[in-house]
Amino acid sequence: MEIFGRSRRQLAFAYALIMGLFMVLIILIMHLAMNWSMFSEQAQELTDAANGVAETQIFYLKNPNAAVDENRYYRSVNDRLFFYIFNEDKQLLRFDRASFRLEQFVLGVIENWSIEDGTVETFQHTNETGQLSTVMMISKKIVAENTVQTLYVGKDVTALYSGLRKATYAQVVLGFIALLIVSAIGYYMAGRAIIPLKEAYDKQKQFAADASHELRTPLAVLMASAELLLADPSITNPFLRQVLEDLKSEVKKMTNLVSDLLMVARSDNNALKVKIQRVDLSEILKQVVRTMVPIAEKKNIRLVGENLQKIIINADEQKIKQLAIILVDNAIKYTPENGSVVVSLENFNLERAVFAVMDSGIGIAPEDLDKVFERFYRVDKARSREMGGNGLGLAIASEIVKIHEGKISVASKLGEGTKFTVELKVNLKK
């Protein structure tokens, strides 16, 4: 059944969604962890290099005549490291230049430097070819012999960050593949989990069908017996005759309920047979209106048909008549006295025929609109019991529309009325 297929898809989707969120969280945490680890390591290397260069520069300032090995400016042989030393007048004193493609960018960063000494910061730059470069830099004040200088040390970490991005992309791709696999497994497992429920549901459907079928005969006997007794002129006691009338009424309700249950059970088992033939939809609607007028008049309700011009469609005449009766009967039930019910043909073309049943009744609350076609669902349960409703009418109407490959919809406002619209396929195949 569609309900189990829908439930299976919903379970699989919920499982995939949870696993997807979990994978996104894991990938995000891994990315942040790798980024933190890489940044911490490179920041420590820059700090150590800055300290080494600063110590050498201080030694040089204190001993201007001493021979200084330029290689001592670095404790590392990493050729991606660079430094620049400026005096208070922004004059460049010493340097180990950044690469040619980065130097202008680095000097621009230094010119606008406003970061606290000892703080490592990351800068990114995209050149005219669209290539992204990443640089980490740190500044340090050098104070010696009444001289203040500023040291800037940096490192080109483009390759490291590029590797991090590629690793993250790889994780995303692998995560997506894993999610597809997990979704397939979830769909399979959801199907396995639903099997016992489906088997139990199938047994219930079969029981409902069997019980409904078996109850029809005794109910028919009870109805015939009640009518026979009511026709007996020897029964003149008003109390007994009232008991028989009540019995007949309740048997009639039970007969209708059993018939509805049997139809629902057959539709569940795909055993609901339809006899497709060419019929005039307008004539069916006119006949339903004529049949239901006496019922409407008892409540002083105006029941009319409008725009019922001849429309030939392929359909099961009895099922379409039952559909129209359900909708009109439902409209009459929930329309107060002096109200109105209108049955009309609204649209017709070579593919679709549309008719509507509109009333001026109590209306349906917005939260109930998507539930009115559910079995045994009644918007006003107390009033439905009083009116003999069992909550199956609109569910059966929906099934009839479904087997005709059509659509049924409802629009309503509380206190203003309700409109059911049915769209039927004109050339339904036999």
Protein backbone atom coordinates (compact mmCIF):
# COMPACT_ATOMS: atom_id res chain seq x y z
CA MET A 1 0.00 0.00 0.00
CA GLU A 2 0.99 3.58 -0.55
CA ILE A 3 0.89 4.30 3.20
CA PHE A 4 3.66 1.76 3.81
CA GLY A 5 5.68 2.96 0.86
CA ARG A 6 5.36 6.53 2.11
CA SER A 7 6.28 5.47 5.65
CA ARG A 8 9.29 3.58 4.34
CA ARG A 9 10.49 6.61 2.40
CA GLN A 10 9.92 8.88 5.40
CA LEU A 11 11.89 6.56 7.70
CA ALA A 12 14.72 6.29 5.17
CA PHE A 13 14.74 10.07 4.68
CA ALA A 14 14.78 10.72 8.44
CA TYR A 15 17.65 8.24 8.86
CA ALA A 16 19.57 9.79 5.95
CA LEU A 17 18.96 13.29 7.33
CA ILE A 18 20.28 12.34 10.77
CA MET A 19 23.32 10.62 9.27
CA GLY A 20 23.87 13.57 6.92
CA LEU A 21 23.84 16.05 9.81
CA PHE A 22 26.17 13.76 11.75
CA MET A 23 28.59 13.56 8.80
CA VAL A 24 28.50 17.33 8.29
CA LEU A 25 29.29 17.78 11.98
CA ILE A 26 32.17 15.30 11.82
CA ILE A 27 33.63 16.89 8.67
CA LEU A 28 33.32 20.36 10.21
CA ILE A 29 35.00 19.26 13.44
CA MET A 30 37.80 17.52 11.52
CA HIS A 31 38.33 20.59 9.35
CA LEU A 32 38.46 22.90 12.36
CA ALA A 33 40.78 20.50 14.19
CA MET A 34 43.19 20.22 11.25
CA ASN A 35 43.06 23.97 10.71
CA TRP A 36 43.80 24.62 14.40
CA SER A 37 46.62 22.08 14.45
CA MET A 38 48.23 23.50 11.32
CA PHE A 39 47.82 27.10 12.44
CA SER A 40 49.27 26.34 15.89
CA GLU A 41 52.30 24.61 14.42
CA GLN A 42 53.01 27.35 11.89
CA ALA A 43 52.39 30.07 14.48
CA GLN A 44 54.96 28.48 16.78
CA GLU A 45 57.45 28.28 13.94
CA LEU A 46 56.92 31.97 13.12
CA THR A 47 57.25 32.94 16.77
CA ASP A 48 60.52 31.02 17.08
CA ALA A 49 61.85 32.53 13.86
CA ALA A 50 60.89 36.05 15.00
CA ASN A 51 62.64 35.52 18.31
CA GLY A 52 65.74 34.25 16.55
CA VAL A 53 65.89 37.16 14.13
CA ALA A 54 65.23 39.65 16.94
CA GLU A 55 68.04 38.23 19.07
CA THR A 56 70.47 38.47 16.17
CA GLN A 57 69.39 42.02 15.37
CA ILE A 58 69.79 43.07 19.02
CA PHE A 59 73.28 41.55 19.03
CA TYR A 60 74.07 43.48 15.85
CA LEU A 61 72.83 46.76 17.36
CA LYS A 62 74.90 46.25 20.49
CA ASN A 63 77.97 45.18 18.54
CA PRO A 64 77.91 47.16 15.29
CA ASN A 65 81.52 46.31 14.46
CA ALA A 66 81.16 42.58 15.06
CA ALA A 67 81.14 40.23 12.15
CA VAL A 68 77.62 38.85 11.77
CA ASP A 69 76.78 35.70 9.91
CA GLU A 70 73.69 36.47 7.87
CA ASN A 71 72.60 32.86 8.13
CA ARG A 72 72.01 33.40 11.84
CA TYR A 73 68.94 35.44 11.00
CA TYR A 74 67.13 32.14 10.65
CA ARG A 75 67.14 29.10 12.85
CA SER A 76 65.24 27.34 10.04
CA VAL A 77 66.28 26.55 6.50
CA ASN A 78 62.69 26.79 5.28
CA ASP A 79 62.88 28.94 2.14
CA ARG A 80 59.24 29.97 2.53
CA LEU A 81 60.09 32.12 5.55
CA PHE A 82 60.83 35.81 5.04
CA PHE A 83 61.39 38.87 7.22
CA TYR A 84 61.65 42.64 7.01
CA ILE A 85 63.13 45.02 9.61
CA PHE A 86 62.11 48.70 9.62
CA ASN A 87 63.31 51.61 11.77
CA GLU A 88 61.02 54.19 13.34
CA ASP A 89 61.07 56.21 10.11
CA LYS A 90 59.70 53.23 8.16
CA GLN A 91 63.04 52.72 6.41
CA LEU A 92 63.87 49.17 5.47
CA LEU A 93 67.09 48.06 7.22
CA ARG A 94 67.39 44.35 6.66
CA PHE A 95 65.28 41.74 4.94
CA ASP A 96 65.04 38.30 3.50
CA ARG A 97 62.52 38.88 0.77
CA ALA A 98 59.29 37.04 0.19
CA SER A 99 58.80 35.46 -3.21
CA PHE A 100 58.37 37.84 -6.14
CA ARG A 101 54.66 37.02 -6.56
CA LEU A 102 53.96 37.82 -2.90
CA GLU A 103 56.29 40.68 -2.03
CA GLN A 104 54.03 43.55 -3.09
CA PHE A 105 51.15 42.03 -1.17
CA VAL A 106 53.32 41.47 1.91
CA LEU A 107 54.66 45.06 1.86
CA GLY A 108 51.07 46.31 1.57
CA VAL A 109 50.11 44.27 4.65
CA ILE A 110 53.10 45.68 6.57
CA GLU A 111 52.22 49.24 5.58
CA ASN A 112 48.71 48.84 7.04
CA TRP A 113 49.79 46.72 10.01
CA SER A 114 47.68 47.28 13.13
CA ILE A 115 48.00 43.93 14.88
CA GLU A 116 49.41 43.56 18.36
CA ASP A 117 53.01 42.41 18.64
CA GLY A 118 53.42 38.68 19.09
CA THR A 119 50.08 37.88 17.45
CA VAL A 120 50.11 35.63 14.44
CA GLU A 121 47.63 36.54 11.72
CA THR A 122 46.70 34.89 8.41
CA PHE A 123 46.26 36.87 5.20
CA GLN A 124 44.95 35.74 1.84
CA HIS A 125 45.59 37.24 -1.56
CA THR A 126 44.23 36.46 -5.04
CA ASN A 127 46.41 37.56 -7.93
CA GLU A 128 45.31 38.62 -11.38
CA THR A 129 45.27 35.00 -12.59
CA GLY A 130 42.88 33.99 -9.82
CA GLN A 131 45.48 32.06 -7.85
CA LEU A 132 44.90 32.18 -4.08
CA SER A 133 47.89 32.63 -1.80
CA THR A 134 47.94 32.40 1.99
CA VAL A 135 50.53 34.07 4.22
CA MET A 136 51.00 33.94 8.00
CA MET A 137 52.79 36.89 9.62
CA ILE A 138 53.90 38.12 13.05
CA SER A 139 55.48 41.41 14.23
CA LYS A 140 57.94 42.05 17.04
CA LYS A 141 59.47 45.21 18.51
CA ILE A 142 63.27 45.30 18.75
CA VAL A 143 64.60 47.69 21.38
CA ALA A 144 68.35 48.07 21.96
CA GLU A 145 70.81 50.94 22.51
CA ASN A 146 67.98 53.53 22.49
CA THR A 147 66.93 52.26 19.09
CA VAL A 148 63.45 50.96 18.28
CA GLN A 149 62.94 48.78 15.25
CA THR A 150 60.06 46.64 14.03
CA LEU A 151 60.50 43.12 12.75
CA TYR A 152 57.96 41.43 10.51
CA VAL A 153 58.32 37.69 9.94
CA GLY A 154 56.11 35.73 7.63
CA LYS A 155 55.72 32.44 5.87
CA ASP A 156 54.03 31.36 2.65
CA VAL A 157 51.62 28.63 3.75
CA THR A 158 49.70 28.45 0.49
CA ALA A 159 50.57 24.80 -0.06
CA LEU A 160 49.49 23.85 3.46
CA TYR A 161 46.11 25.55 3.21
CA SER A 162 45.61 24.20 -0.29
CA GLY A 163 46.25 20.74 1.06
CA LEU A 164 43.76 21.39 3.86
CA ARG A 165 41.08 22.44 1.35
CA LYS A 166 41.72 19.38 -0.80
CA ALA A 167 41.51 17.14 2.26
CA THR A 168 38.20 18.78 3.21
CA TYR A 169 36.86 18.37 -0.34
CA ALA A 170 37.88 14.72 -0.26
CA GLN A 171 36.07 14.28 3.05
CA VAL A 172 32.94 15.91 1.61
CA VAL A 173 32.98 13.63 -1.44
CA LEU A 174 33.60 10.54 0.66
CA GLY A 175 30.90 11.70 3.09
CA PHE A 176 28.43 12.12 0.22
CA ILE A 177 29.22 8.64 -1.09
CA ALA A 178 28.89 7.25 2.43
CA LEU A 179 25.56 9.06 2.81
CA LEU A 180 24.26 7.47 -0.40
CA ILE A 181 25.31 4.05 0.85
CA VAL A 182 23.80 4.71 4.28
CA SER A 183 20.56 5.95 2.67
CA ALA A 184 20.30 2.78 0.61
CA ILE A 185 20.91 0.68 3.72
CA GLY A 186 18.39 2.77 5.65
CA TYR A 187 15.78 2.29 2.92
CA TYR A 188 16.41 -1.46 2.95
CA MET A 189 16.25 -1.67 6.76
CA ALA A 190 13.08 0.48 6.86
CA GLY A 191 11.49 -1.96 4.42
CA ARG A 192 12.49 -4.88 6.63
CA ALA A 193 11.11 -3.13 9.71
CA ILE A 194 7.76 -2.44 8.03
CA ILE A 195 7.22 -6.05 6.89
CA PRO A 196 5.66 -7.22 10.21
CA LEU A 197 3.45 -4.11 10.30
CA LYS A 198 2.33 -4.68 6.73
CA GLU A 199 1.55 -8.33 7.43
CA ALA A 200 -0.51 -7.38 10.49
CA TYR A 201 -2.28 -4.68 8.49
CA ASP A 202 -3.04 -7.12 5.68
CA LYS A 203 -4.56 -9.52 8.19
CA GLN A 204 -6.71 -6.73 9.60
CA LYS A 205 -7.84 -5.76 6.10
CA GLN A 206 -8.75 -9.34 5.30
CA PHE A 207 -10.61 -9.66 8.58
CA ALA A 208 -12.53 -6.43 7.91
CA ALA A 209 -13.42 -7.64 4.43
CA ASP A 210 -14.50 -11.09 5.66
CA ALA A 211 -16.44 -9.72 8.63
CA SER A 212 -18.16 -7.08 6.51
CA HIS A 213 -19.13 -9.65 3.95
CA GLU A 214 -20.47 -12.09 6.54
CA LEU A 215 -22.44 -9.40 8.39
CA ARG A 216 -24.42 -8.39 5.33
CA THR A 217 -26.68 -11.47 5.43
CA PRO A 218 -27.75 -11.29 9.11
CA LEU A 219 -28.27 -7.54 8.79
CA ALA A 220 -30.45 -8.09 5.73
CA VAL A 221 -32.48 -10.66 7.70
CA LEU A 222 -32.89 -8.21 10.60
CA MET A 223 -34.00 -5.44 8.24
CA ALA A 224 -36.51 -7.71 6.53
CA SER A 225 -37.83 -8.91 9.89
CA ALA A 226 -38.25 -5.37 11.19
CA GLU A 227 -40.10 -4.30 8.04
CA LEU A 228 -42.28 -7.41 8.21
CA LEU A 229 -43.23 -6.72 11.83
CA LEU A 230 -43.92 -3.08 11.08
CA ALA A 231 -46.24 -4.19 8.28
CA ASP A 232 -48.14 -6.51 10.64
CA PRO A 233 -51.45 -4.79 11.48
CA SER A 234 -51.79 -6.82 14.66
CA ILE A 235 -48.97 -4.86 16.29
CA THR A 236 -50.74 -1.75 17.44
CA ASN A 237 -48.85 -0.93 20.63
CA PRO A 238 -47.13 2.44 20.04
CA PHE A 239 -44.20 1.46 22.23
CA LEU A 240 -43.53 -1.75 20.27
CA ARG A 241 -43.84 0.05 16.96
CA GLN A 242 -41.33 2.67 18.16
CA VAL A 243 -38.93 -0.08 19.20
CA LEU A 244 -39.25 -1.61 15.75
CA GLU A 245 -38.65 1.77 14.07
CA ASP A 246 -35.53 2.29 16.20
CA LEU A 247 -34.37 -1.23 15.37
CA LYS A 248 -34.87 -0.63 11.67
CA SER A 249 -32.97 2.68 11.88
CA GLU A 250 -30.01 1.13 13.69
CA VAL A 251 -29.91 -1.84 11.31
CA LYS A 252 -29.89 0.59 8.41
CA LYS A 253 -26.94 2.45 9.96
CA MET A 254 -25.10 -0.82 10.50
CA THR A 255 -25.82 -1.91 6.93
CA ASN A 256 -24.40 1.35 5.58
CA LEU A 257 -21.34 1.01 7.81
CA VAL A 258 -20.74 -2.59 6.73
CA SER A 259 -21.08 -1.59 3.07
CA ASP A 260 -18.58 1.23 3.56
CA LEU A 261 -16.14 -1.06 5.38
CA LEU A 262 -16.42 -3.65 2.65
CA MET A 263 -15.71 -1.07 -0.03
CA VAL A 264 -12.70 0.27 1.88
CA ALA A 265 -11.35 -3.26 2.39
CA ARG A 266 -11.75 -4.05 -1.31
CA SER A 267 -9.99 -0.83 -2.29
CA ASP A 268 -7.10 -1.74 0.02
CA ASN A 269 -6.82 -5.14 -1.60
CA ASN A 270 -7.06 -3.63 -5.10
CA ALA A 271 -10.21 -5.70 -5.54
CA LEU A 272 -12.50 -2.74 -6.10
CA LYS A 273 -13.92 -3.40 -9.54
CA VAL A 274 -15.07 -0.60 -11.80
CA LYS A 275 -17.15 -0.77 -14.94
CA ILE A 276 -15.87 1.97 -17.24
CA GLN A 277 -18.35 3.19 -19.82
CA ARG A 278 -19.33 6.41 -21.54
CA VAL A 279 -21.66 8.37 -19.26
CA ASP A 280 -23.12 11.86 -19.11
CA LEU A 281 -21.68 13.47 -15.99
CA SER A 282 -24.33 16.18 -15.96
CA GLU A 283 -27.16 13.60 -15.92
CA ILE A 284 -25.55 11.83 -12.95
CA LEU A 285 -25.31 15.08 -11.04
CA LYS A 286 -28.88 16.07 -11.91
CA GLN A 287 -30.14 12.69 -10.70
CA VAL A 288 -28.21 13.04 -7.42
CA VAL A 289 -29.66 16.52 -6.89
CA ARG A 290 -33.23 15.22 -7.49
CA THR A 291 -32.63 12.33 -5.09
CA MET A 292 -31.20 14.50 -2.32
CA VAL A 293 -33.68 17.42 -2.57
CA PRO A 294 -36.21 15.84 -0.17
CA ILE A 295 -33.47 15.34 2.43
CA ALA A 296 -32.33 18.95 2.02
CA GLU A 297 -35.91 20.26 2.25
CA LYS A 298 -36.34 18.66 5.67
CA LYS A 299 -33.72 21.15 6.93
CA ASN A 300 -35.03 24.01 4.78
CA ILE A 301 -31.81 23.87 2.76
CA ARG A 302 -31.80 25.03 -0.85
CA LEU A 303 -30.16 22.35 -3.02
CA VAL A 304 -29.65 23.27 -6.69
CA GLY A 305 -27.61 22.26 -9.69
CA GLU A 306 -25.94 24.95 -11.78
CA ASN A 307 -24.32 24.92 -15.20
CA LEU A 308 -25.03 21.21 -15.64
CA GLN A 309 -24.53 21.04 -19.39
CA LYS A 310 -23.98 17.74 -21.17
CA ILE A 311 -20.48 16.30 -20.61
CA ILE A 312 -19.56 12.79 -21.76
CA ILE A 313 -16.77 11.04 -19.87
CA ASN A 314 -15.46 7.50 -19.41
CA ALA A 315 -16.26 6.42 -15.86
CA ASP A 316 -18.09 3.95 -13.62
CA GLU A 317 -21.59 5.43 -13.44
CA GLN A 318 -22.50 3.90 -10.07
CA LYS A 319 -19.22 4.92 -8.45
CA ILE A 320 -19.48 8.50 -9.71
CA LYS A 321 -23.07 8.63 -8.45
CA GLN A 322 -21.90 7.34 -5.06
CA LEU A 323 -19.16 9.97 -5.04
CA ALA A 324 -21.63 12.79 -5.73
CA ILE A 325 -24.10 11.48 -3.13
CA ILE A 326 -21.36 11.36 -0.48
CA LEU A 327 -20.33 14.96 -1.17
CA VAL A 328 -23.90 16.30 -1.31
CA ASP A 329 -24.97 14.35 1.77
CA ASN A 330 -21.92 15.63 3.65
CA ALA A 331 -22.76 19.20 2.60
CA ILE A 332 -26.37 18.87 3.79
CA LYS A 333 -25.30 17.41 7.13
CA TYR A 334 -23.02 20.33 7.94
CA THR A 335 -25.22 23.12 6.58
CA PRO A 336 -27.60 24.75 9.07
CA GLU A 337 -31.25 25.46 8.31
CA ASN A 338 -32.01 28.01 5.59
CA GLY A 339 -28.59 27.41 4.08
CA SER A 340 -27.74 26.37 0.54
CA VAL A 341 -25.88 23.63 -1.32
CA VAL A 342 -24.84 24.09 -4.95
CA VAL A 343 -23.69 21.35 -7.33
CA SER A 344 -22.03 22.74 -10.43
CA LEU A 345 -19.89 21.84 -13.41
CA GLU A 346 -16.97 24.25 -13.41
CA ASN A 347 -14.67 23.26 -16.23
CA PHE A 348 -14.45 20.88 -19.14
CA ASN A 349 -11.87 20.16 -21.82
CA LEU A 350 -10.69 17.17 -23.84
CA GLU A 351 -8.73 15.80 -20.88
CA ARG A 352 -10.47 16.84 -17.65
CA ALA A 353 -13.98 17.46 -16.32
CA VAL A 354 -14.38 19.36 -13.06
CA PHE A 355 -17.42 19.55 -10.82
CA ALA A 356 -17.87 21.04 -7.36
CA VAL A 357 -20.17 20.77 -4.36
CA MET A 358 -20.32 24.00 -2.39
CA ASP A 359 -22.26 24.69 0.80
CA SER A 360 -22.86 27.60 3.16
CA GLY A 361 -22.29 25.44 6.23
CA ILE A 362 -20.16 25.60 9.35
CA GLY A 363 -16.88 25.23 7.47
CA ILE A 364 -13.73 23.34 8.39
CA ALA A 365 -10.84 24.62 10.50
CA PRO A 366 -7.51 25.03 8.63
CA GLU A 367 -5.81 22.40 10.81
CA ASP A 368 -8.46 19.83 9.79
CA LEU A 369 -8.39 20.38 6.03
CA ASP A 370 -5.57 17.92 5.35
CA LYS A 371 -7.28 15.23 7.47
CA VAL A 372 -10.83 15.18 6.15
CA PHE A 373 -10.08 12.36 3.70
CA GLU A 374 -8.61 10.11 6.40
CA ARG A 375 -10.64 7.10 7.45
CA PHE A 376 -12.80 7.47 10.56
CA TYR A 377 -11.71 11.09 10.93
CA ARG A 378 -14.57 13.38 11.88
CA VAL A 379 -14.11 17.10 12.35
CA ASP A 380 -16.97 17.35 14.84
CA LYS A 381 -17.22 13.89 16.40
CA ALA A 382 -20.22 14.68 18.60
CA ARG A 383 -22.27 16.11 15.72
CA SER A 384 -21.15 13.31 13.38
CA ARG A 385 -22.55 10.70 15.74
CA GLU A 386 -25.83 12.58 15.95
CA MET A 387 -26.03 12.72 12.16
CA GLY A 388 -25.11 9.08 11.66
CA GLY A 389 -21.63 9.75 10.28
CA ASN A 390 -18.96 7.06 10.58
CA GLY A 391 -15.96 8.95 9.22
CA LEU A 392 -15.70 6.82 6.06
CA GLY A 393 -17.67 8.86 3.54
CA LEU A 394 -14.95 11.24 2.39
CA ALA A 395 -12.35 8.46 2.54
CA ILE A 396 -14.50 6.43 0.13
CA ALA A 397 -14.99 9.50 -2.05
CA SER A 398 -11.23 9.89 -2.22
CA GLU A 399 -10.83 6.21 -3.20
CA ILE A 400 -13.43 6.55 -5.97
CA VAL A 401 -11.62 9.59 -7.37
CA LYS A 402 -8.31 7.74 -7.13
CA ILE A 403 -9.47 4.72 -9.13
CA HIS A 404 -10.71 7.17 -11.78
CA GLU A 405 -7.21 8.73 -11.88
CA GLY A 406 -8.66 12.05 -10.77
CA LYS A 407 -8.11 14.59 -8.01
CA ILE A 408 -10.26 15.80 -5.13
CA SER A 409 -9.59 18.92 -3.08
CA VAL A 410 -11.30 20.93 -0.38
CA ALA A 411 -11.37 24.64 0.42
CA SER A 412 -13.15 25.99 3.46
CA LYS A 413 -13.49 28.84 5.94
CA LEU A 414 -15.03 28.52 9.36
CA GLY A 415 -18.55 29.91 9.40
CA GLU A 416 -18.57 30.58 5.66
CA GLY A 417 -18.89 27.15 4.07
CA THR A 418 -16.95 24.44 2.29
CA LYS A 419 -16.26 23.61 -1.32
CA PHE A 420 -15.20 20.16 -2.58
CA THR A 421 -13.79 20.12 -6.10
CA VAL A 422 -13.47 16.91 -8.13
CA GLU A 423 -11.37 16.64 -11.27
CA LEU A 424 -12.01 13.54 -13.39
CA LYS A 425 -10.19 12.19 -16.39
CA VAL A 426 -12.42 12.33 -19.47
CA ASN A 427 -10.88 9.51 -21.51
CA LEU A 428 -10.20 6.98 -18.78
CA LYS A 429 -9.08 3.68 -20.27
CA LYS A 430 -11.27 0.67 -19.67
